[in-house]
Protein backbone atom coordinates (compact mmCIF):
# COMPACT_ATOMS: atom_id res chain seq x y z
CA MET A 1 68.88 160.45 95.63
CA TYR A 2 68.19 164.53 96.79
CA GLN A 3 70.26 167.20 94.58
CA PRO A 4 70.33 170.58 96.12
CA SER A 5 68.99 173.12 93.97
CA GLU A 6 70.85 175.62 92.47
CA THR A 7 68.73 179.00 94.58
CA PRO A 8 71.71 181.12 95.88
CA TRP A 9 70.00 181.15 99.43
CA GLN A 10 71.82 177.54 99.70
CA ASP A 11 75.25 178.92 100.36
CA ARG A 12 74.22 182.17 101.82
CA SER A 13 72.53 181.30 104.88
CA LEU A 14 74.03 181.64 108.87
CA ASN A 15 73.34 180.39 112.34
CA ALA A 16 75.17 182.74 113.95
CA ALA A 17 75.89 180.76 117.23
CA PRO A 18 77.82 181.20 119.43
CA ALA A 19 78.26 184.52 118.55
CA SER A 20 80.86 186.23 118.33
CA LYS A 21 82.20 189.78 116.67
CA LEU A 22 81.85 189.29 112.77
CA PRO A 23 83.20 191.04 110.14
CA ASP A 24 80.56 193.00 108.32
CA GLU A 25 81.71 191.24 105.29
CA VAL A 26 79.99 188.02 106.50
CA PHE A 27 76.75 190.14 106.06
CA GLU A 28 76.77 191.45 102.63
CA GLY A 29 74.60 189.15 100.21
CA LEU A 30 73.21 186.87 102.93
CA HIS A 31 70.04 185.44 102.44
CA HIS A 32 68.70 184.08 105.68
CA LEU A 33 70.41 185.30 109.26
CA HIS A 34 69.12 183.36 112.43
CA VAL A 35 70.10 184.41 115.78
CA ASN A 36 68.79 184.11 119.32
CA GLU A 37 68.62 187.20 121.66
CA GLY A 38 72.16 187.06 123.27
CA GLU A 39 73.58 186.23 119.94
CA ALA A 40 71.48 189.15 118.33
CA ALA A 41 72.77 191.50 121.33
CA ALA A 42 76.15 190.66 120.84
CA LEU A 43 76.28 191.11 117.06
CA SER A 44 74.42 194.24 116.71
CA GLY A 45 75.30 196.09 119.81
CA ILE A 46 72.28 196.32 121.65
CA ALA A 47 71.86 195.79 125.37
CA ALA A 48 70.52 192.14 125.74
CA GLY A 49 68.27 193.31 128.13
CA GLU A 50 66.53 195.69 125.20
CA ILE A 51 66.48 193.14 122.44
CA GLU A 52 62.63 191.99 122.75
CA ASN A 53 61.83 195.44 123.04
CA LYS A 54 63.79 196.57 119.62
CA LEU A 55 63.42 193.52 117.27
CA PRO A 56 62.85 195.92 114.40
CA GLU A 57 65.68 197.60 115.40
CA VAL A 58 67.72 194.30 115.55
CA ALA A 59 66.74 193.45 112.12
CA ALA A 60 67.24 196.90 110.24
CA TYR A 61 70.65 196.44 111.86
CA PHE A 62 71.21 193.16 109.72
CA GLN A 63 69.55 194.35 106.63
CA SER A 64 71.30 197.61 106.44
CA ARG A 65 74.50 195.24 106.45
CA GLY A 66 73.25 193.29 103.64
CA VAL A 67 71.29 190.64 105.18
CA LYS A 68 67.97 189.71 103.40
CA ASN A 69 65.81 187.59 106.35
CA VAL A 70 66.47 188.00 109.69
CA VAL A 71 65.28 185.32 112.58
CA VAL A 72 65.38 185.95 116.33
CA THR A 73 64.55 183.03 118.49
CA MET A 74 63.85 184.36 122.26
CA GLY A 75 63.04 180.59 123.80
CA GLU A 76 59.46 180.77 125.50
CA LYS A 77 58.92 184.32 123.85
CA GLY A 78 58.60 182.77 120.31
CA ILE A 79 60.22 183.79 117.08
CA TYR A 80 60.24 186.90 115.62
CA PHE A 81 61.22 187.52 111.46
CA ARG A 82 61.50 189.92 108.85
CA ASN A 83 61.38 188.59 105.51
CA SER A 84 63.48 190.39 102.39
CA LYS A 85 59.92 192.52 101.36
CA GLN A 86 60.32 194.33 105.02
CA GLN A 87 57.25 192.03 106.53
CA GLU A 88 57.75 191.43 110.04
CA GLY A 89 56.02 189.39 112.33
CA ARG A 90 55.64 187.09 115.31
CA ILE A 91 55.09 183.27 115.83
CA PRO A 92 54.91 181.53 119.43
CA ILE A 93 56.04 178.29 120.35
CA ILE A 94 54.31 175.82 120.62
CA LYS A 95 53.13 174.82 123.81
CA CYS A 96 53.90 171.72 125.08
CA LYS A 97 55.83 169.83 128.11
CA ALA A 98 59.05 169.51 127.74
CA VAL A 99 61.42 167.29 129.17
CA ASP A 100 64.81 168.39 127.35
CA THR A 101 65.65 171.56 125.50
CA THR A 102 69.42 169.86 124.87
CA ALA A 103 68.69 169.87 120.42
CA ALA A 104 66.06 172.47 120.30
CA GLY A 105 68.11 175.37 119.03
CA ASP A 106 69.80 172.84 116.30
CA THR A 107 66.74 171.36 115.88
CA PHE A 108 64.53 174.70 114.79
CA ALA A 109 68.14 175.83 113.10
CA ALA A 110 67.75 172.46 111.04
CA GLY A 111 64.34 172.43 110.13
CA TYR A 112 64.43 176.02 108.90
CA ILE A 113 66.96 175.47 106.28
CA SER A 114 65.34 172.17 105.73
CA PHE A 115 61.98 173.52 104.69
CA LEU A 116 63.40 175.95 102.70
CA ALA A 117 65.42 173.43 100.34
CA LEU A 118 63.01 170.53 100.14
CA HIS A 119 60.38 173.29 99.28
CA ASP A 120 62.77 175.57 97.08
CA SER A 121 61.67 178.23 98.51
CA ASP A 122 61.58 181.88 100.05
CA ASP A 123 58.40 180.83 102.42
CA ILE A 124 60.09 182.21 105.55
CA GLU A 125 56.85 182.14 107.34
CA GLY A 126 56.31 178.42 106.16
CA ALA A 127 60.03 177.55 107.24
CA LEU A 128 59.72 178.67 110.94
CA HIS A 129 56.38 176.98 111.08
CA PHE A 130 58.10 174.24 110.32
CA ALA A 131 61.24 174.59 112.16
CA ASN A 132 59.03 174.94 115.06
CA ARG A 133 57.17 171.74 115.02
CA ALA A 134 60.73 170.32 115.00
CA ALA A 135 62.31 172.12 117.96
CA GLY A 136 58.58 171.69 119.62
CA LEU A 137 59.12 167.52 119.05
CA SER A 138 62.77 167.43 120.36
CA VAL A 139 62.19 168.96 123.35
CA GLN A 140 59.33 166.47 124.21
CA ARG A 141 62.13 163.65 123.84
CA HIS A 142 65.29 163.11 125.98
CA GLY A 143 68.75 163.78 124.61
CA ALA A 144 70.33 165.54 121.44
CA GLN A 145 70.59 163.68 118.49
CA ALA A 146 67.88 161.10 119.64
CA SER A 147 65.29 163.67 120.16
CA MET A 148 65.63 164.98 116.39
CA PRO A 149 62.52 164.23 115.03
CA PHE A 150 62.27 162.75 111.34
CA LEU A 151 61.02 164.20 108.23
CA SER A 152 58.43 161.97 107.94
CA GLU A 153 57.07 162.85 111.97
CA LEU A 154 57.02 166.22 110.59
CA GLU A 155 55.01 165.88 107.43
CA ASP A 156 52.61 164.20 108.75
CA ALA A 157 52.11 167.05 111.64
């Protein structure tokens, strides 16, 4: 039986969906923040149309409030991240024939946190690639819950 680890990030991760104004205390000590472009705009005050061009500023905004690792998903434009060591990068989405995107965001979020929990790790890039694969499989299937891949499907990939 799986036993949760004692790592502090486990209790301090936030997928801020749907976006709503949050008090600054929510961000203090937060290890992982995952937002999409709209949520990044709503929470940071940076105009929605400017998010892609101001990703470092978005990350700096959240990190100045105490967030260690920031992930911004941007649909077909990929994923941006900045980790606690101030390393940042972009990861492209996995190109595939999407038939239903209903659960893509939820699948991505679950894959990201699952990777970190399963590997007891702060390997943000590894977690993002894992989550990206999970979401890529999900959009190739119909439905929400039925489209989410099993762990065994991702481990074999």
